[in-house]
Amino acid sequence: MTSQTHRHALYTVEQVRALDSRVIDELGIPGNELMRRAAWSALSSLRRHWPSARRIVVYAGPGNNGGDGFLLAALAHEAGMQAEVFAIGGPSQGDAAQARAACIGAQVPVVDDDTPPLVKEADVIVDALYGTGLRRPPQGGVAALIERINASGIPVLALDVPSGLDADTGQCPGAAIRASVTVSFIAAKRGLHTGKAVAHVGQLELDALGLPDALWASMPPFASVLTPHGLPPRPRDAHKGNNGHVLAIGGDRGTAGAIRLCGEAALRAGAGLVSVATQAENIVALNSGRPELMAHAVDGPQTLEPLLQKAGVLAVGPGLGQAAWGHALWLTALDAGKPLVLDADGLNLLTKEPRRFDAQTVITPHPGEASRLLAVSTQAIEADRYAAVAELARRYNVVAVLKGAGSLMAAPDGRLAVCPWGNPGMATGGMGDVLTGVIAALLAQGLSAWEAACLGVGLHARAGDAAVAGDGERGLLASDLLVPLRRLLNEQIA
């Protein structure tokens, strides 16, 4: 498998093609040798995941991805497995044609058929139909085949990219393979880590095919994948004033729960003090439910001002509403010019009254909120999540978090990161309120907006994964994250 050096680096399809060319032109490694190494890697993965498999069926396209499949079939046959290939899409070209010839020479059955059958007796199906070059929906018989494979229940090993998945954006313009395992080669493709991709790649592996580290020397990655970490231990003489003061602003009538989740998450994430500015009717519930929060009844800007003066970081939006009360507090908070986390109705109000921020600011929209902030459709956001989050960061001069499967972080200077954790159980009310509190607490403890967003998103997602262990994803509550969140924050990971 790949070296640790490049395991967390993500590249665009264009960058990967440039790396491929560099391997051939500068390192002098022929394309057919790369194809052979990819086939060996795929066979190793197949044996590791399905050690009892005896019959494999390869569906191969005419390009290099199909060439990988032809050579895999030949190697599997030589290893004593029963292998057969259905070739789709016309004659193979270049290195792929050589691979096809080698497969036939190894006495592996190869059938040319643009509407091939689904071989129900297969132990494993190998998807070698399309690689990184596909940007359009699969057509006709191939689309139908993909749907039959997905419905078959037979395990699928996808080579490099599940066919039908856009390796740059993570979207599926049409039918796309749902792989059990995807083994990707040379460099990690950015699109395999966000959006629809997370439901299609299965277990994702990367093999650099034994290429030297010098290959990547002049190719900075497009983005990085977050790695797990917490915060260092505190000094033994620490006091609450060292750990920051968060003011959470929100909780209009009927939404006390949102601001409580935000405030409690800030406490669990290590803020020394957390105040809450909310409606008077919420005070009793907050004081009785979480007495560590300093809850204040705020009826407008005049009563908010003294709280703003004492706070170091603001968390604005959970349960805020967009009526006169919420709008007045939002405007007063933003005008204070303090480090800030903005979510929920804080973002909806920003849509109506856009501004750029000078202080350290993190915004945390889901795709619907992002669509309003950028004045485009939600479909346009999801069509290229990387472009959307980068534009949010640039337009508002903030660190932007685009939530969802494979949450993305972007800074105004162009940095991009992807969160590899999280689960469908987290698609429930209150999760965003918890995230807002976590990031605000990290800002209050001295992290930059970029550091707080990346660490906060990672901790939040990992806590979600820890909370579903044993009990399953359905029924997960946002408050279930608070206990594992504390433990993960204090873990020291080398």
Protein backbone atom coordinates (compact mmCIF):
# COMPACT_ATOMS: atom_id res chain seq x y z
CA MET A 1 0.00 0.00 0.00
CA THR A 2 0.99 3.64 -0.21
CA SER A 3 3.59 5.18 2.06
CA GLN A 4 2.42 7.27 5.01
CA THR A 5 3.86 10.35 3.27
CA HIS A 6 1.01 10.73 0.79
CA ARG A 7 -1.83 8.98 2.58
CA HIS A 8 -3.55 12.23 3.54
CA ALA A 9 -2.89 14.19 0.33
CA LEU A 10 -5.71 14.61 -2.20
CA TYR A 11 -5.29 15.48 -5.88
CA THR A 12 -7.45 16.54 -8.79
CA VAL A 13 -7.86 14.29 -11.82
CA GLU A 14 -5.69 16.71 -13.81
CA GLN A 15 -2.93 16.44 -11.21
CA VAL A 16 -3.12 12.65 -11.22
CA ARG A 17 -2.77 12.61 -15.01
CA ALA A 18 0.28 14.83 -14.70
CA LEU A 19 1.74 12.41 -12.17
CA ASP A 20 1.06 9.50 -14.54
CA SER A 21 2.87 11.32 -17.34
CA ARG A 22 5.79 12.12 -15.05
CA VAL A 23 6.14 8.46 -14.11
CA ILE A 24 6.43 7.49 -17.76
CA ASP A 25 8.42 10.44 -19.11
CA GLU A 26 10.73 11.29 -16.21
CA LEU A 27 11.06 8.05 -14.25
CA GLY A 28 11.06 5.87 -17.36
CA ILE A 29 8.48 3.40 -16.06
CA PRO A 30 6.35 2.18 -19.00
CA GLY A 31 2.56 2.38 -18.84
CA ASN A 32 2.20 -1.39 -19.11
CA GLU A 33 4.44 -1.80 -16.04
CA LEU A 34 2.20 0.55 -14.06
CA MET A 35 -0.77 -1.49 -15.24
CA ARG A 36 0.90 -4.69 -14.07
CA ARG A 37 1.61 -3.19 -10.64
CA ALA A 38 -2.00 -2.01 -10.36
CA ALA A 39 -3.24 -5.50 -11.21
CA TRP A 40 -1.02 -7.07 -8.54
CA SER A 41 -2.28 -4.53 -6.02
CA ALA A 42 -5.89 -5.27 -6.92
CA LEU A 43 -5.35 -9.03 -6.64
CA SER A 44 -3.77 -8.54 -3.21
CA SER A 45 -6.77 -6.51 -2.09
CA LEU A 46 -9.19 -9.10 -3.47
CA ARG A 47 -7.47 -11.94 -1.64
CA ARG A 48 -7.28 -9.94 1.58
CA HIS A 49 -10.98 -9.08 1.62
CA TRP A 50 -12.38 -12.29 0.10
CA PRO A 51 -9.88 -15.06 0.86
CA SER A 52 -12.35 -17.82 -0.04
CA ALA A 53 -13.28 -16.36 -3.44
CA ARG A 54 -12.82 -18.86 -6.26
CA ARG A 55 -14.65 -17.26 -9.18
CA ILE A 56 -14.28 -13.65 -10.27
CA VAL A 57 -15.95 -11.84 -13.13
CA VAL A 58 -14.32 -8.72 -14.56
CA TYR A 59 -16.28 -6.11 -16.50
CA ALA A 60 -13.68 -4.18 -18.50
CA GLY A 61 -13.96 -1.00 -20.53
CA PRO A 62 -11.71 -0.08 -23.48
CA GLY A 63 -9.37 2.28 -21.59
CA ASN A 64 -6.55 1.80 -19.10
CA ASN A 65 -8.98 0.98 -16.32
CA GLY A 66 -10.09 -1.97 -18.41
CA GLY A 67 -6.43 -2.86 -18.95
CA ASP A 68 -5.98 -3.14 -15.18
CA GLY A 69 -8.95 -5.50 -15.15
CA PHE A 70 -7.57 -7.70 -17.95
CA LEU A 71 -4.26 -8.16 -16.14
CA LEU A 72 -6.01 -8.81 -12.84
CA ALA A 73 -8.00 -11.59 -14.47
CA ALA A 74 -4.82 -13.10 -15.89
CA LEU A 75 -3.09 -12.99 -12.49
CA ALA A 76 -6.11 -14.47 -10.74
CA HIS A 77 -6.22 -17.29 -13.30
CA GLU A 78 -2.52 -18.02 -12.74
CA ALA A 79 -3.21 -18.12 -9.00
CA GLY A 80 -5.77 -20.87 -9.50
CA MET A 81 -8.97 -18.87 -9.53
CA GLN A 82 -11.67 -19.10 -12.17
CA ALA A 83 -11.69 -15.77 -14.00
CA GLU A 84 -13.60 -14.43 -16.99
CA VAL A 85 -13.82 -11.01 -18.60
CA PHE A 86 -16.65 -9.21 -20.37
CA ALA A 87 -15.19 -6.48 -22.59
CA ILE A 88 -17.48 -3.50 -23.13
CA GLY A 89 -17.26 -0.39 -25.27
CA GLY A 90 -15.23 -1.44 -28.30
CA PRO A 91 -11.61 -2.41 -28.89
CA SER A 92 -8.95 -1.66 -26.29
CA GLN A 93 -6.24 0.83 -27.15
CA GLY A 94 -2.53 1.22 -26.37
CA ASP A 95 -1.38 -0.40 -23.13
CA ALA A 96 -4.90 -1.70 -22.53
CA ALA A 97 -4.74 -3.62 -25.84
CA GLN A 98 -1.50 -5.26 -24.69
CA ALA A 99 -3.16 -6.15 -21.39
CA ARG A 100 -6.10 -7.72 -23.24
CA ALA A 101 -3.71 -9.77 -25.36
CA ALA A 102 -1.89 -10.95 -22.23
CA CYS A 103 -5.21 -11.93 -20.67
CA ILE A 104 -6.22 -13.97 -23.71
CA GLY A 105 -2.73 -15.48 -23.85
CA ALA A 106 -3.19 -16.66 -20.25
CA GLN A 107 -6.27 -18.63 -21.43
CA VAL A 108 -8.77 -16.39 -19.63
CA PRO A 109 -12.15 -16.30 -21.43
CA VAL A 110 -12.81 -12.82 -22.87
CA VAL A 111 -16.25 -12.03 -24.28
CA ASP A 112 -17.00 -8.85 -26.23
CA ASP A 113 -20.51 -7.77 -25.28
CA ASP A 114 -21.93 -4.27 -24.82
CA THR A 115 -24.94 -5.73 -22.99
CA PRO A 116 -23.25 -8.41 -20.90
CA PRO A 117 -25.12 -10.66 -18.48
CA LEU A 118 -24.78 -10.51 -14.74
CA VAL A 119 -22.93 -13.66 -13.67
CA LYS A 120 -24.79 -14.51 -10.48
CA GLU A 121 -22.39 -17.32 -9.61
CA ALA A 122 -19.45 -14.92 -9.20
CA ASP A 123 -17.89 -14.69 -5.76
CA VAL A 124 -16.54 -11.21 -6.54
CA ILE A 125 -17.27 -8.78 -9.37
CA VAL A 126 -14.41 -6.55 -10.49
CA ASP A 127 -15.42 -3.14 -11.80
CA ALA A 128 -12.90 -2.06 -14.45
CA LEU A 129 -15.36 -0.24 -16.70
CA TYR A 130 -14.38 3.41 -16.41
CA GLY A 131 -11.55 5.26 -14.71
CA THR A 132 -11.04 8.90 -13.82
CA GLY A 133 -11.89 10.22 -17.29
CA LEU A 134 -15.64 9.68 -17.16
CA ARG A 135 -17.62 12.91 -16.68
CA ARG A 136 -20.91 11.91 -18.31
CA PRO A 137 -23.58 9.40 -17.23
CA PRO A 138 -22.99 5.80 -18.32
CA GLN A 139 -25.24 4.96 -21.24
CA GLY A 140 -27.45 2.09 -22.41
CA GLY A 141 -26.30 -1.38 -21.59
CA VAL A 142 -23.55 -0.21 -19.25
CA ALA A 143 -25.98 1.81 -17.13
CA ALA A 144 -28.30 -1.20 -16.95
CA LEU A 145 -25.39 -3.48 -16.02
CA ILE A 146 -24.35 -1.14 -13.20
CA GLU A 147 -27.87 -1.19 -11.79
CA ARG A 148 -27.95 -5.00 -11.94
CA ILE A 149 -24.57 -5.26 -10.22
CA ASN A 150 -25.70 -2.92 -7.45
CA ALA A 151 -28.86 -4.96 -6.89
CA SER A 152 -27.12 -8.35 -7.01
CA GLY A 153 -25.66 -8.45 -3.51
CA ILE A 154 -22.37 -9.76 -4.95
CA PRO A 155 -19.26 -8.06 -3.49
CA VAL A 156 -17.65 -5.55 -5.86
CA LEU A 157 -14.00 -4.55 -6.10
CA ALA A 158 -13.67 -1.26 -7.98
CA LEU A 159 -10.36 -0.46 -9.64
CA ASP A 160 -9.19 3.13 -9.07
CA VAL A 161 -12.70 4.68 -9.15
CA PRO A 162 -16.20 3.16 -8.95
CA SER A 163 -17.52 3.44 -12.50
CA GLY A 164 -19.97 6.30 -12.94
CA LEU A 165 -18.48 8.37 -10.10
CA ASP A 166 -16.85 11.71 -10.95
CA ALA A 167 -13.38 11.42 -9.40
CA ASP A 168 -13.04 15.21 -9.18
CA THR A 169 -16.32 16.18 -7.54
CA GLY A 170 -17.65 13.03 -5.86
CA GLN A 171 -20.94 13.30 -7.74
CA CYS A 172 -22.72 10.71 -9.88
CA PRO A 173 -24.25 12.12 -13.08
CA GLY A 174 -26.06 8.83 -13.64
CA ALA A 175 -25.77 5.18 -12.61
CA ALA A 176 -22.67 4.45 -10.52
CA ILE A 177 -21.18 1.31 -9.01
CA ARG A 178 -21.60 0.86 -5.26
CA ALA A 179 -18.35 -0.89 -4.45
CA SER A 180 -17.56 -2.97 -1.40
CA VAL A 181 -13.89 -1.99 -1.74
CA THR A 182 -12.18 0.54 -3.99
CA VAL A 183 -8.45 0.26 -4.51
CA SER A 184 -7.09 3.48 -5.97
CA PHE A 185 -3.67 3.88 -7.54
CA ILE A 186 -0.73 6.32 -7.39
CA ALA A 187 -2.54 9.25 -5.73
CA ALA A 188 -5.78 9.81 -3.82
CA LYS A 189 -8.45 11.45 -5.95
CA ARG A 190 -10.26 14.29 -4.21
CA GLY A 191 -13.72 13.27 -5.41
CA LEU A 192 -13.61 9.91 -3.65
CA HIS A 193 -13.84 11.61 -0.24
CA THR A 194 -16.97 13.79 -0.29
CA GLY A 195 -20.56 14.02 -1.50
CA LYS A 196 -22.17 10.99 -3.11
CA ALA A 197 -18.80 9.23 -3.26
CA VAL A 198 -18.96 8.15 0.37
CA ALA A 199 -21.90 5.88 -0.51
CA HIS A 200 -20.10 4.37 -3.51
CA VAL A 201 -16.44 3.73 -2.69
CA GLY A 202 -16.98 1.30 0.19
CA GLN A 203 -13.68 0.67 1.96
CA LEU A 204 -11.16 2.91 0.23
CA GLU A 205 -7.55 1.81 -0.19
CA LEU A 206 -4.65 3.58 -1.86
CA ASP A 207 -1.55 2.04 -3.40
CA ALA A 208 1.28 4.26 -4.68
CA LEU A 209 2.54 1.27 -6.74
CA GLY A 210 6.03 1.47 -5.30
CA LEU A 211 6.78 4.85 -6.87
CA PRO A 212 9.44 7.06 -5.25
CA ASP A 213 8.54 10.02 -3.08
CA ALA A 214 10.37 12.29 -5.52
CA LEU A 215 7.40 11.93 -7.86
CA TRP A 216 5.30 14.22 -5.66
CA ALA A 217 8.07 16.73 -4.88
CA SER A 218 6.77 19.48 -7.16
CA MET A 219 3.07 18.59 -7.01
CA PRO A 220 1.42 20.23 -3.97
CA PRO A 221 -1.82 18.41 -3.10
CA PHE A 222 -5.12 20.08 -3.82
CA ALA A 223 -6.46 19.26 -0.34
CA SER A 224 -5.64 17.21 2.73
CA VAL A 225 -7.53 14.63 4.76
CA LEU A 226 -7.86 15.38 8.47
CA THR A 227 -5.91 13.22 10.90
CA PRO A 228 -7.09 12.47 14.45
CA HIS A 229 -5.71 14.59 17.28
CA GLY A 230 -6.76 16.43 20.41
CA LEU A 231 -5.23 19.26 22.42
CA PRO A 232 -2.10 19.07 24.59
CA PRO A 233 -2.47 18.75 28.36
CA ARG A 234 -3.09 21.95 30.25
CA PRO A 235 -0.51 23.48 32.59
CA ARG A 236 -1.02 22.33 36.16
CA ASP A 237 -1.60 25.92 37.29
CA ALA A 238 -4.29 26.64 34.69
CA HIS A 239 -7.42 28.55 35.68
CA LYS A 240 -10.70 29.18 33.90
CA GLY A 241 -9.56 32.54 32.62
CA ASN A 242 -6.82 30.84 30.61
CA ASN A 243 -9.33 28.83 28.61
CA GLY A 244 -11.48 31.52 27.07
CA HIS A 245 -14.98 32.90 27.45
CA VAL A 246 -17.60 31.98 24.85
CA LEU A 247 -20.84 33.90 24.51
CA ALA A 248 -23.54 31.84 22.75
CA ILE A 249 -26.29 34.02 21.30
CA GLY A 250 -29.63 32.51 20.30
CA GLY A 251 -32.62 30.60 21.54
CA ASP A 252 -35.66 32.59 20.50
CA ARG A 253 -39.03 31.48 21.84
CA GLY A 254 -39.39 27.73 21.47
CA THR A 255 -35.72 27.05 20.59
CA ALA A 256 -34.00 26.95 23.96
CA GLY A 257 -32.67 23.48 23.15
CA ALA A 258 -30.53 24.75 20.28
CA ILE A 259 -28.66 27.31 22.35
CA ARG A 260 -28.28 24.92 25.26
CA LEU A 261 -26.66 22.31 22.99
CA CYS A 262 -24.31 24.96 21.63
CA GLY A 263 -23.35 26.22 25.08
CA GLU A 264 -22.94 22.78 26.61
CA ALA A 265 -20.79 21.65 23.67
CA ALA A 266 -18.56 24.68 24.24
CA LEU A 267 -18.12 23.61 27.86
CA ARG A 268 -17.37 20.01 26.91
CA ALA A 269 -14.85 21.24 24.33
CA GLY A 270 -12.89 23.02 27.02
CA ALA A 271 -14.00 26.65 27.19
CA GLY A 272 -13.31 28.09 30.63
CA LEU A 273 -16.52 30.11 30.73
CA VAL A 274 -19.67 29.96 28.63
CA SER A 275 -22.37 32.61 28.79
CA VAL A 276 -25.70 32.37 26.99
CA ALA A 277 -27.69 35.34 25.72
CA THR A 278 -31.27 34.23 25.16
CA GLN A 279 -34.94 34.97 25.70
CA ALA A 280 -36.07 35.45 29.32
CA GLU A 281 -38.42 32.46 29.16
CA ASN A 282 -35.47 30.10 28.58
CA ILE A 283 -33.51 31.03 31.71
CA VAL A 284 -35.15 28.65 34.19
CA ALA A 285 -34.76 25.65 31.87
CA LEU A 286 -31.11 26.47 31.17
CA ASN A 287 -30.24 27.04 34.82
CA SER A 288 -31.92 23.83 35.94
CA GLY A 289 -30.69 21.69 33.04
CA ARG A 290 -27.11 22.89 32.86
CA PRO A 291 -26.21 25.18 35.78
CA GLU A 292 -22.62 25.57 34.56
CA LEU A 293 -23.91 27.80 31.76
CA MET A 294 -24.26 31.46 32.71
CA ALA A 295 -27.65 32.21 31.20
CA HIS A 296 -28.75 35.82 30.68
CA ALA A 297 -32.10 37.20 29.59
CA VAL A 298 -31.45 39.58 26.70
CA ASP A 299 -34.24 41.68 25.19
CA GLY A 300 -32.14 43.69 22.75
CA PRO A 301 -28.79 45.28 21.93
CA GLN A 302 -28.55 47.31 25.15
CA THR A 303 -28.65 44.23 27.36
CA LEU A 304 -26.36 42.30 25.01
CA GLU A 305 -23.57 44.91 25.01
CA PRO A 306 -22.24 44.21 28.55
CA LEU A 307 -22.03 40.50 27.74
CA LEU A 308 -20.15 41.19 24.51
CA GLN A 309 -17.57 43.21 26.40
CA LYS A 310 -16.73 40.28 28.69
CA ALA A 311 -16.65 37.55 26.02
CA GLY A 312 -13.68 36.57 23.90
CA VAL A 313 -15.48 34.52 21.23
CA LEU A 314 -19.06 34.58 19.97
CA ALA A 315 -21.23 31.67 18.80
CA VAL A 316 -24.17 33.18 16.94
CA GLY A 317 -27.14 31.51 15.32
CA PRO A 318 -28.51 28.41 17.10
CA GLY A 319 -32.22 29.04 17.56
CA LEU A 320 -31.70 32.76 16.88
CA GLY A 321 -34.58 33.22 14.46
CA GLN A 322 -34.82 35.94 11.85
CA ALA A 323 -37.41 38.18 13.49
CA ALA A 324 -36.66 41.58 15.04
CA TRP A 325 -35.10 40.16 18.23
CA GLY A 326 -32.74 37.81 16.42
CA HIS A 327 -31.81 40.35 13.77
CA ALA A 328 -30.96 43.02 16.37
CA LEU A 329 -28.73 40.66 18.36
CA TRP A 330 -27.09 39.37 15.16
CA LEU A 331 -26.24 42.87 13.98
CA THR A 332 -24.91 43.93 17.38
CA ALA A 333 -22.79 40.79 17.71
CA LEU A 334 -21.24 41.11 14.25
CA ASP A 335 -20.49 44.79 14.77
CA ALA A 336 -18.51 43.91 17.91
CA GLY A 337 -15.73 42.61 15.63
CA LYS A 338 -14.86 39.64 17.85
CA PRO A 339 -13.80 36.13 16.78
CA LEU A 340 -16.98 34.42 15.72
CA VAL A 341 -18.70 31.19 14.72
CA LEU A 342 -21.80 31.73 12.62
CA ASP A 343 -24.42 29.04 11.96
CA ALA A 344 -28.13 28.45 11.33
CA ASP A 345 -30.14 31.68 11.34
CA GLY A 346 -26.89 33.58 11.74
CA LEU A 347 -26.16 32.43 8.19
CA ASN A 348 -29.66 33.09 6.93
CA LEU A 349 -29.38 36.68 8.12
CA LEU A 350 -25.97 36.95 6.44
CA THR A 351 -27.64 35.95 3.19
CA LYS A 352 -29.91 38.97 3.47
CA GLU A 353 -27.17 41.37 4.61
CA PRO A 354 -23.84 40.12 3.21
CA ARG A 355 -20.56 41.33 4.64
CA ARG A 356 -16.89 40.37 4.72
CA PHE A 357 -15.26 39.68 8.05
CA ASP A 358 -12.01 41.02 9.45
CA ALA A 359 -11.93 39.07 12.71
CA GLN A 360 -11.26 35.33 12.89
CA THR A 361 -14.56 33.88 11.69
CA VAL A 362 -15.89 30.40 10.94
CA ILE A 363 -19.16 29.74 9.12
CA THR A 364 -20.71 26.27 9.11
CA PRO A 365 -23.44 26.00 6.43
CA HIS A 366 -25.12 22.85 5.21
CA PRO A 367 -25.68 22.72 1.42
CA GLY A 368 -29.04 24.49 1.63
CA GLU A 369 -27.56 27.39 3.59
CA ALA A 370 -24.55 27.46 1.28
CA SER A 371 -26.85 27.73 -1.72
CA ARG A 372 -28.45 30.83 -0.24
CA LEU A 373 -25.10 32.36 0.69
CA LEU A 374 -23.85 31.92 -2.88
CA ALA A 375 -27.21 32.57 -4.58
CA VAL A 376 -27.16 29.28 -6.49
CA SER A 377 -29.18 26.08 -6.29
CA THR A 378 -28.46 23.34 -3.78
CA GLN A 379 -27.81 21.08 -6.77
CA ALA A 380 -25.07 23.45 -7.91
CA ILE A 381 -23.46 23.30 -4.47
CA GLU A 382 -23.46 19.51 -4.46
CA ALA A 383 -22.25 19.32 -8.07
CA ASP A 384 -18.85 20.64 -6.94
CA ARG A 385 -18.56 20.89 -3.18
CA TYR A 386 -14.89 21.86 -3.37
CA ALA A 387 -15.59 24.86 -5.58
CA ALA A 388 -18.53 25.89 -3.36
CA VAL A 389 -16.64 25.84 -0.07
CA ALA A 390 -13.69 27.68 -1.60
CA GLU A 391 -15.99 30.39 -2.92
CA LEU A 392 -17.67 30.77 0.47
CA ALA A 393 -14.28 31.32 2.11
CA ARG A 394 -13.22 33.81 -0.54
CA ARG A 395 -16.45 35.77 -0.74
CA TYR A 396 -16.93 36.28 2.99
CA ASN A 397 -13.24 36.20 4.05
CA VAL A 398 -13.90 33.39 6.53
CA VAL A 399 -12.98 29.81 7.19
CA ALA A 400 -15.93 27.95 5.71
CA VAL A 401 -17.17 24.50 6.71
CA LEU A 402 -19.48 22.86 4.16
CA LYS A 403 -21.25 20.18 6.17
CA GLY A 404 -22.47 16.86 4.84
CA ALA A 405 -20.96 13.50 3.90
CA GLY A 406 -17.25 14.26 3.69
CA SER A 407 -17.45 17.72 5.28
CA LEU A 408 -15.07 20.24 3.71
CA MET A 409 -13.11 23.12 5.22
CA ALA A 410 -11.71 26.04 3.21
CA ALA A 411 -9.65 29.09 4.16
CA PRO A 412 -9.43 32.37 2.22
CA ASP A 413 -5.79 31.61 1.38
CA GLY A 414 -6.83 28.50 -0.56
CA ARG A 415 -6.24 25.76 2.00
CA LEU A 416 -8.73 22.88 1.78
CA ALA A 417 -9.33 19.89 4.03
CA VAL A 418 -11.73 16.95 4.10
CA CYS A 419 -13.19 15.14 7.12
CA PRO A 420 -13.07 11.34 6.72
CA TRP A 421 -15.31 10.56 9.71
CA GLY A 422 -19.01 10.78 10.52
CA ASN A 423 -22.05 8.62 9.85
CA PRO A 424 -25.68 8.85 8.68
CA GLY A 425 -26.94 8.79 12.28
CA MET A 426 -25.67 12.34 12.59
CA ALA A 427 -28.32 13.57 10.14
CA THR A 428 -30.57 14.76 12.94
CA GLY A 429 -31.55 18.01 14.63
CA GLY A 430 -29.08 19.70 16.94
CA MET A 431 -25.87 18.32 15.44
CA GLY A 432 -24.99 21.68 13.92
CA ASP A 433 -25.59 23.44 17.25
CA VAL A 434 -23.08 21.12 18.91
CA LEU A 435 -20.52 21.77 16.17
CA THR A 436 -20.91 25.53 16.57
CA GLY A 437 -20.17 25.28 20.29
CA VAL A 438 -17.17 23.03 19.78
CA ILE A 439 -15.51 25.32 17.23
CA ALA A 440 -16.21 28.40 19.37
CA ALA A 441 -14.58 26.74 22.40
CA LEU A 442 -11.47 25.90 20.38
CA LEU A 443 -11.26 29.49 19.15
CA ALA A 444 -11.55 30.66 22.75
CA GLN A 445 -8.62 28.43 23.73
CA GLY A 446 -6.34 30.19 21.28
CA LEU A 447 -6.61 28.22 18.06
CA SER A 448 -6.83 30.05 14.76
CA ALA A 449 -10.05 29.91 12.79
CA TRP A 450 -8.53 27.31 10.46
CA GLU A 451 -7.22 25.16 13.32
CA ALA A 452 -10.47 25.42 15.26
CA ALA A 453 -12.60 24.50 12.24
CA CYS A 454 -10.48 21.50 11.28
CA LEU A 455 -10.08 20.16 14.81
CA GLY A 456 -13.70 20.92 15.69
CA VAL A 457 -15.17 19.21 12.63
CA GLY A 458 -12.92 16.20 13.19
CA LEU A 459 -13.76 15.88 16.89
CA HIS A 460 -17.48 16.30 16.18
CA ALA A 461 -17.48 13.58 13.51
CA ARG A 462 -15.32 11.19 15.55
CA ALA A 463 -17.59 11.70 18.56
CA GLY A 464 -20.53 10.81 16.32
CA ASP A 465 -18.79 7.61 15.28
CA ALA A 466 -17.98 6.74 18.90
CA ALA A 467 -21.57 7.41 19.96
CA VAL A 468 -23.03 4.91 17.48
CA ALA A 469 -20.62 2.10 18.34
CA GLY A 470 -22.60 -0.80 19.73
CA ASP A 471 -26.01 0.86 19.58
CA GLY A 472 -26.29 1.67 15.87
CA GLU A 473 -26.92 4.86 13.93
CA ARG A 474 -30.69 5.27 14.12
CA GLY A 475 -31.85 7.15 17.19
CA LEU A 476 -28.59 9.03 17.75
CA LEU A 477 -29.10 12.33 19.61
CA ALA A 478 -26.92 15.39 19.30
CA SER A 479 -26.36 15.34 23.06
CA ASP A 480 -25.00 11.78 22.79
CA LEU A 481 -21.82 13.30 21.31
CA LEU A 482 -20.94 15.31 24.41
CA VAL A 483 -19.33 12.54 26.49
CA PRO A 484 -17.17 10.98 23.72
CA LEU A 485 -16.31 14.50 22.58
CA ARG A 486 -14.64 15.21 25.91
CA ARG A 487 -12.69 11.96 25.82
CA LEU A 488 -11.47 12.47 22.26
CA LEU A 489 -10.42 16.05 22.93
CA ASN A 490 -8.13 14.81 25.69
CA GLU A 491 -6.60 11.92 23.74
CA GLN A 492 -2.93 12.28 22.97
CA ILE A 493 -2.28 10.74 19.56
CA ALA A 494 1.29 10.41 18.33
